[in-house]
């Protein structure tokens, strides 16, 4: 699930089952604010590590560059671009 939802693309029939728990946290700004307020920079490090793990899991299951079908590769690349934000 992507962002806690089951997403599928009706054009390509692609379904992604990806649920990165860290992205459900309010926002990166709130995490930074919490880390600064509490002087616990490990909060920010743990958040970043969780995001990296979630993306790694996604890319391991749904590689972009290794996909042979162009439409699927482009759709997955779009997901990567979306997750960068």
C-alpha atoms as a PDB file:
ATOM      1  CA  UNK A   1       0.000   0.000   0.000  1.00  0.00           C
ATOM      2  CA  UNK A   2       1.206   3.468  -0.759  1.00  0.00           C
ATOM      3  CA  UNK A   3       0.593   5.877   2.069  1.00  0.00           C
ATOM      4  CA  UNK A   4      -1.610   3.347   3.798  1.00  0.00           C
ATOM      5  CA  UNK A   5      -3.873   2.772   0.824  1.00  0.00           C
ATOM      6  CA  UNK A   6      -4.188   0.083  -1.766  1.00  0.00           C
ATOM      7  CA  UNK A   7      -3.443   1.849  -5.036  1.00  0.00           C
ATOM      8  CA  UNK A   8      -3.982   0.488  -8.483  1.00  0.00           C
ATOM      9  CA  UNK A   9      -3.715   2.048 -11.886  1.00  0.00           C
ATOM     10  CA  UNK A  10      -6.669   1.100 -14.074  1.00  0.00           C
ATOM     11  CA  UNK A  11      -4.683   1.738 -17.255  1.00  0.00           C
ATOM     12  CA  UNK A  12      -1.823  -0.608 -16.468  1.00  0.00           C
ATOM     13  CA  UNK A  13      -3.500  -2.849 -13.915  1.00  0.00           C
ATOM     14  CA  UNK A  14      -0.582  -2.236 -11.555  1.00  0.00           C
ATOM     15  CA  UNK A  15      -1.271  -2.628  -7.876  1.00  0.00           C
ATOM     16  CA  UNK A  16       1.162  -1.542  -5.209  1.00  0.00           C
ATOM     17  CA  UNK A  17       1.001  -2.907  -1.694  1.00  0.00           C
ATOM     18  CA  UNK A  18       3.187  -0.507   0.250  1.00  0.00           C
ATOM     19  CA  UNK A  19       2.566   1.069   3.637  1.00  0.00           C
ATOM     20  CA  UNK A  20       5.520   3.111   4.872  1.00  0.00           C
ATOM     21  CA  UNK A  21       4.573   3.738   8.501  1.00  0.00           C
ATOM     22  CA  UNK A  22       6.954   6.698   8.912  1.00  0.00           C
ATOM     23  CA  UNK A  23       5.149   8.671   6.198  1.00  0.00           C
ATOM     24  CA  UNK A  24       1.960   8.589   8.271  1.00  0.00           C
ATOM     25  CA  UNK A  25       3.629  10.842  10.811  1.00  0.00           C
ATOM     26  CA  UNK A  26       2.276  14.367  10.485  1.00  0.00           C
ATOM     27  CA  UNK A  27       5.172  15.964   8.616  1.00  0.00           C
ATOM     28  CA  UNK A  28       8.917  16.186   8.441  1.00  0.00           C
ATOM     29  CA  UNK A  29       8.729  19.728   9.827  1.00  0.00           C
ATOM     30  CA  UNK A  30       6.922  18.474  12.914  1.00  0.00           C
ATOM     31  CA  UNK A  31       9.539  15.771  13.416  1.00  0.00           C
ATOM     32  CA  UNK A  32      12.336  18.343  13.158  1.00  0.00           C
ATOM     33  CA  UNK A  33      10.497  20.625  15.545  1.00  0.00           C
ATOM     34  CA  UNK A  34      10.032  17.768  18.028  1.00  0.00           C
ATOM     35  CA  UNK A  35      13.722  16.844  17.793  1.00  0.00           C
ATOM     36  CA  UNK A  36      14.848  20.429  18.367  1.00  0.00           C
ATOM     37  CA  UNK A  37      12.348  21.046  21.174  1.00  0.00           C
ATOM     38  CA  UNK A  38      13.397  17.909  23.032  1.00  0.00           C
ATOM     39  CA  UNK A  39      17.081  18.203  22.070  1.00  0.00           C
ATOM     40  CA  UNK A  40      16.821  14.560  20.967  1.00  0.00           C
ATOM     41  CA  UNK A  41      18.238  14.574  17.452  1.00  0.00           C
ATOM     42  CA  UNK A  42      17.912  10.802  17.477  1.00  0.00           C
ATOM     43  CA  UNK A  43      14.188  11.376  16.812  1.00  0.00           C
ATOM     44  CA  UNK A  44      15.094  12.870  13.438  1.00  0.00           C
ATOM     45  CA  UNK A  45      17.644  10.136  12.735  1.00  0.00           C
ATOM     46  CA  UNK A  46      15.093   7.407  13.508  1.00  0.00           C
ATOM     47  CA  UNK A  47      12.508   9.100  11.269  1.00  0.00           C
ATOM     48  CA  UNK A  48      14.987   9.355   8.379  1.00  0.00           C
ATOM     49  CA  UNK A  49      16.064   5.740   8.884  1.00  0.00           C
ATOM     50  CA  UNK A  50      12.434   4.590   8.859  1.00  0.00           C
ATOM     51  CA  UNK A  51      11.768   6.465   5.621  1.00  0.00           C
ATOM     52  CA  UNK A  52      14.876   4.962   4.040  1.00  0.00           C
ATOM     53  CA  UNK A  53      13.813   1.468   5.089  1.00  0.00           C
ATOM     54  CA  UNK A  54      10.308   1.994   3.724  1.00  0.00           C
ATOM     55  CA  UNK A  55      11.632   3.225   0.374  1.00  0.00           C
ATOM     56  CA  UNK A  56      14.121   0.359   0.208  1.00  0.00           C
ATOM     57  CA  UNK A  57      11.289  -2.122   0.778  1.00  0.00           C
ATOM     58  CA  UNK A  58       9.247  -0.476  -1.966  1.00  0.00           C
ATOM     59  CA  UNK A  59      12.118  -0.446  -4.466  1.00  0.00           C
ATOM     60  CA  UNK A  60      13.077  -4.036  -3.655  1.00  0.00           C
ATOM     61  CA  UNK A  61       9.520  -5.184  -4.412  1.00  0.00           C
ATOM     62  CA  UNK A  62       8.955  -2.863  -7.365  1.00  0.00           C
ATOM     63  CA  UNK A  63      12.270  -2.009  -9.067  1.00  0.00           C
ATOM     64  CA  UNK A  64      12.057   0.815 -11.568  1.00  0.00           C
ATOM     65  CA  UNK A  65      15.136   0.308 -13.708  1.00  0.00           C
ATOM     66  CA  UNK A  66      14.834  -3.479 -13.783  1.00  0.00           C
ATOM     67  CA  UNK A  67      11.267  -3.423 -15.123  1.00  0.00           C
ATOM     68  CA  UNK A  68      10.999  -4.496 -18.768  1.00  0.00           C
ATOM     69  CA  UNK A  69       7.549  -3.040 -19.481  1.00  0.00           C
ATOM     70  CA  UNK A  70       7.870   0.663 -20.271  1.00  0.00           C
ATOM     71  CA  UNK A  71       4.423   1.646 -18.966  1.00  0.00           C
ATOM     72  CA  UNK A  72       5.035  -0.082 -15.635  1.00  0.00           C
ATOM     73  CA  UNK A  73       8.532   1.408 -15.383  1.00  0.00           C
ATOM     74  CA  UNK A  74       7.149   4.921 -15.981  1.00  0.00           C
ATOM     75  CA  UNK A  75       4.351   4.420 -13.482  1.00  0.00           C
ATOM     76  CA  UNK A  76       6.811   3.233 -10.835  1.00  0.00           C
ATOM     77  CA  UNK A  77       9.108   6.146 -11.614  1.00  0.00           C
ATOM     78  CA  UNK A  78       6.126   8.420 -11.010  1.00  0.00           C
ATOM     79  CA  UNK A  79       5.630   6.837  -7.593  1.00  0.00           C
ATOM     80  CA  UNK A  80       9.308   7.482  -6.785  1.00  0.00           C
ATOM     81  CA  UNK A  81       8.959  11.131  -7.829  1.00  0.00           C
ATOM     82  CA  UNK A  82       5.806  11.420  -5.707  1.00  0.00           C
ATOM     83  CA  UNK A  83       7.570   9.940  -2.669  1.00  0.00           C
ATOM     84  CA  UNK A  84      10.460  12.406  -3.026  1.00  0.00           C
ATOM     85  CA  UNK A  85       8.143  15.212  -1.972  1.00  0.00           C
END
